[in-house]
């Protein structure tokens, strides 16, 4: 419930900012297939840190990378 409320409030704030500043922006605010994960112990934390550190190097093989399929 807390995460849902945070996401809802964030979307409202972003949309208000876009409207107040008359910005021409379209797109999603939250990443598709995003999920929250509770870090329960040091092992989880270490695994997440490793993922974050290594993630940029995986971009060439990522299905979300438009250049991977010659579209970028």
N, C-alpha and C. Protein backbone atom coordinates (compact mmCIF):
# COMPACT_ATOMS: atom_id res chain seq x y z
N UNK A 1 0.82 -1.19 0.00
CA UNK A 1 0.00 0.00 0.00
C UNK A 1 0.87 1.25 0.00
N UNK A 2 1.97 1.21 0.72
CA UNK A 2 2.85 2.38 0.79
C UNK A 2 3.47 2.68 -0.57
N UNK A 3 3.97 1.64 -1.24
CA UNK A 3 4.57 1.83 -2.56
C UNK A 3 3.52 2.32 -3.56
N UNK A 4 2.32 1.74 -3.50
CA UNK A 4 1.23 2.18 -4.38
C UNK A 4 0.89 3.64 -4.18
N UNK A 5 0.84 4.07 -2.93
CA UNK A 5 0.55 5.47 -2.63
C UNK A 5 1.68 6.37 -3.13
N UNK A 6 2.92 5.92 -2.95
CA UNK A 6 4.07 6.69 -3.43
C UNK A 6 4.02 6.86 -4.95
N UNK A 7 3.75 5.77 -5.65
CA UNK A 7 3.68 5.83 -7.11
C UNK A 7 2.54 6.73 -7.57
N UNK A 8 1.40 6.63 -6.93
CA UNK A 8 0.25 7.45 -7.29
C UNK A 8 0.56 8.93 -7.09
N UNK A 9 1.13 9.27 -5.95
CA UNK A 9 1.47 10.66 -5.64
C UNK A 9 2.53 11.17 -6.61
N UNK A 10 3.50 10.33 -6.93
CA UNK A 10 4.56 10.73 -7.86
C UNK A 10 3.99 11.06 -9.23
N UNK A 11 3.08 10.22 -9.72
CA UNK A 11 2.47 10.46 -11.03
C UNK A 11 1.70 11.78 -11.01
N UNK A 12 0.91 12.00 -9.97
CA UNK A 12 0.15 13.25 -9.87
C UNK A 12 1.07 14.46 -9.86
N UNK A 13 2.18 14.37 -9.11
CA UNK A 13 3.13 15.47 -9.05
C UNK A 13 3.80 15.73 -10.39
N UNK A 14 4.19 14.68 -11.08
CA UNK A 14 4.83 14.84 -12.39
C UNK A 14 3.86 15.45 -13.39
N UNK A 15 2.64 14.94 -13.42
CA UNK A 15 1.65 15.49 -14.35
C UNK A 15 1.34 16.95 -14.04
N UNK A 16 1.27 17.31 -12.76
CA UNK A 16 1.04 18.71 -12.38
C UNK A 16 2.21 19.58 -12.84
N UNK A 17 3.43 19.09 -12.68
CA UNK A 17 4.62 19.83 -13.11
C UNK A 17 4.59 20.05 -14.62
N UNK A 18 4.24 19.02 -15.38
CA UNK A 18 4.16 19.13 -16.83
C UNK A 18 3.12 20.16 -17.23
N UNK A 19 1.97 20.10 -16.59
CA UNK A 19 0.89 21.05 -16.91
C UNK A 19 1.26 22.48 -16.52
N UNK A 20 1.78 22.67 -15.31
CA UNK A 20 2.12 24.00 -14.82
C UNK A 20 3.18 24.67 -15.68
N UNK A 21 4.11 23.87 -16.19
CA UNK A 21 5.21 24.42 -16.99
C UNK A 21 4.97 24.32 -18.49
N UNK A 22 3.76 23.89 -18.84
CA UNK A 22 3.35 23.78 -20.24
C UNK A 22 4.38 23.02 -21.07
N UNK A 23 4.82 21.91 -20.53
CA UNK A 23 5.81 21.08 -21.20
C UNK A 23 5.11 20.16 -22.20
N UNK A 24 5.77 19.93 -23.30
CA UNK A 24 5.23 19.03 -24.32
C UNK A 24 5.91 17.67 -24.12
N UNK A 25 5.34 16.89 -23.22
CA UNK A 25 5.95 15.61 -22.89
C UNK A 25 4.89 14.52 -22.94
N UNK A 26 5.27 13.42 -23.56
CA UNK A 26 4.41 12.24 -23.53
C UNK A 26 5.29 11.04 -23.18
N UNK A 27 4.67 10.02 -22.67
CA UNK A 27 5.41 8.81 -22.32
C UNK A 27 4.98 8.30 -20.97
N UNK A 28 5.57 7.22 -20.60
CA UNK A 28 5.24 6.60 -19.33
C UNK A 28 6.10 7.17 -18.22
N UNK A 29 5.54 7.22 -17.05
CA UNK A 29 6.29 7.72 -15.89
C UNK A 29 7.00 6.58 -15.19
N UNK A 30 6.34 5.46 -15.08
CA UNK A 30 6.95 4.29 -14.43
C UNK A 30 7.34 3.27 -15.48
N UNK A 31 8.49 2.68 -15.30
CA UNK A 31 9.01 1.68 -16.21
C UNK A 31 8.11 0.45 -16.25
N UNK A 32 7.85 -0.05 -17.46
CA UNK A 32 7.06 -1.26 -17.63
C UNK A 32 7.75 -2.43 -16.93
N UNK A 33 6.96 -3.29 -16.34
CA UNK A 33 7.45 -4.49 -15.65
C UNK A 33 8.34 -4.17 -14.45
N UNK A 34 8.23 -2.97 -13.94
CA UNK A 34 8.99 -2.60 -12.75
C UNK A 34 8.35 -3.25 -11.54
N UNK A 35 9.17 -3.73 -10.64
CA UNK A 35 8.63 -4.28 -9.40
C UNK A 35 9.53 -3.89 -8.24
N UNK A 36 8.92 -3.82 -7.08
CA UNK A 36 9.65 -3.47 -5.88
C UNK A 36 10.20 -4.73 -5.25
N UNK A 37 11.33 -4.60 -4.62
CA UNK A 37 11.93 -5.73 -3.92
C UNK A 37 12.47 -5.24 -2.60
N UNK A 38 12.12 -5.93 -1.55
CA UNK A 38 12.63 -5.60 -0.22
C UNK A 38 14.00 -6.24 -0.06
N UNK A 39 14.97 -5.46 0.36
CA UNK A 39 16.31 -5.98 0.62
C UNK A 39 16.31 -6.52 2.04
N UNK A 40 16.42 -7.83 2.16
CA UNK A 40 16.24 -8.48 3.45
C UNK A 40 17.52 -8.76 4.22
N UNK A 41 18.65 -8.81 3.52
CA UNK A 41 19.90 -9.13 4.23
C UNK A 41 21.10 -8.66 3.41
N UNK A 42 22.28 -8.85 3.95
CA UNK A 42 23.51 -8.40 3.29
C UNK A 42 23.73 -9.11 1.95
N UNK A 43 23.35 -10.37 1.87
CA UNK A 43 23.51 -11.12 0.60
C UNK A 43 22.65 -10.49 -0.49
N UNK A 44 21.38 -10.19 -0.18
CA UNK A 44 20.50 -9.52 -1.14
C UNK A 44 21.12 -8.19 -1.57
N UNK A 45 21.60 -7.43 -0.60
CA UNK A 45 22.19 -6.13 -0.89
C UNK A 45 23.40 -6.28 -1.81
N UNK A 46 24.25 -7.25 -1.54
CA UNK A 46 25.41 -7.49 -2.38
C UNK A 46 25.03 -7.87 -3.80
N UNK A 47 24.02 -8.74 -3.94
CA UNK A 47 23.56 -9.14 -5.26
C UNK A 47 22.99 -7.96 -6.05
N UNK A 48 22.24 -7.11 -5.37
CA UNK A 48 21.65 -5.94 -6.04
C UNK A 48 22.74 -4.95 -6.44
N UNK A 49 23.72 -4.76 -5.58
CA UNK A 49 24.84 -3.86 -5.92
C UNK A 49 25.60 -4.37 -7.14
N UNK A 50 25.83 -5.67 -7.19
CA UNK A 50 26.51 -6.27 -8.33
C UNK A 50 25.70 -6.08 -9.61
N UNK A 51 24.40 -6.30 -9.52
CA UNK A 51 23.51 -6.11 -10.68
C UNK A 51 23.60 -4.67 -11.19
N UNK A 52 23.50 -3.71 -10.28
CA UNK A 52 23.54 -2.29 -10.66
C UNK A 52 24.88 -1.94 -11.29
N UNK A 53 25.95 -2.42 -10.71
CA UNK A 53 27.29 -2.15 -11.22
C UNK A 53 27.48 -2.73 -12.64
N UNK A 54 26.98 -3.94 -12.87
CA UNK A 54 27.19 -4.63 -14.14
C UNK A 54 26.15 -4.30 -15.21
N UNK A 55 25.02 -3.72 -14.80
CA UNK A 55 23.91 -3.51 -15.72
C UNK A 55 24.26 -2.69 -16.96
N UNK A 56 24.99 -1.57 -16.86
CA UNK A 56 25.30 -0.80 -18.07
C UNK A 56 26.04 -1.63 -19.12
N UNK A 57 26.87 -2.55 -18.70
CA UNK A 57 27.60 -3.39 -19.64
C UNK A 57 26.73 -4.39 -20.37
N UNK A 58 25.52 -4.60 -19.89
CA UNK A 58 24.59 -5.54 -20.53
C UNK A 58 23.69 -4.87 -21.55
N UNK A 59 23.79 -3.55 -21.72
CA UNK A 59 22.88 -2.79 -22.57
C UNK A 59 22.92 -3.28 -24.02
N UNK A 60 24.08 -3.66 -24.51
CA UNK A 60 24.18 -4.12 -25.90
C UNK A 60 23.32 -5.34 -26.17
N UNK A 61 23.08 -6.18 -25.16
CA UNK A 61 22.30 -7.40 -25.32
C UNK A 61 20.86 -7.26 -24.83
N UNK A 62 20.49 -6.08 -24.36
CA UNK A 62 19.18 -5.86 -23.75
C UNK A 62 18.08 -5.72 -24.80
N UNK A 63 16.96 -6.41 -24.60
CA UNK A 63 15.83 -6.32 -25.53
C UNK A 63 15.22 -4.93 -25.59
N UNK A 64 15.44 -4.10 -24.57
CA UNK A 64 14.90 -2.73 -24.56
C UNK A 64 15.79 -1.77 -25.32
N UNK A 65 16.96 -2.20 -25.79
CA UNK A 65 17.89 -1.35 -26.50
C UNK A 65 17.49 -1.29 -27.97
N UNK A 66 16.98 -0.13 -28.45
CA UNK A 66 16.53 -0.04 -29.83
C UNK A 66 17.66 -0.26 -30.84
N UNK A 67 18.88 0.09 -30.49
CA UNK A 67 20.00 -0.08 -31.40
C UNK A 67 20.32 -1.54 -31.64
N UNK A 68 19.93 -2.39 -30.71
CA UNK A 68 20.21 -3.82 -30.83
C UNK A 68 19.56 -4.41 -32.08
N UNK A 69 18.44 -3.86 -32.47
CA UNK A 69 17.70 -4.38 -33.61
C UNK A 69 17.78 -3.44 -34.82
N UNK A 70 18.72 -2.51 -34.78
CA UNK A 70 18.90 -1.60 -35.90
C UNK A 70 17.86 -0.50 -35.98
N UNK A 71 17.16 -0.24 -34.86
CA UNK A 71 16.11 0.80 -34.86
C UNK A 71 16.59 2.10 -34.23
N UNK A 72 17.83 2.15 -33.78
CA UNK A 72 18.27 3.33 -33.05
C UNK A 72 19.29 4.15 -33.76
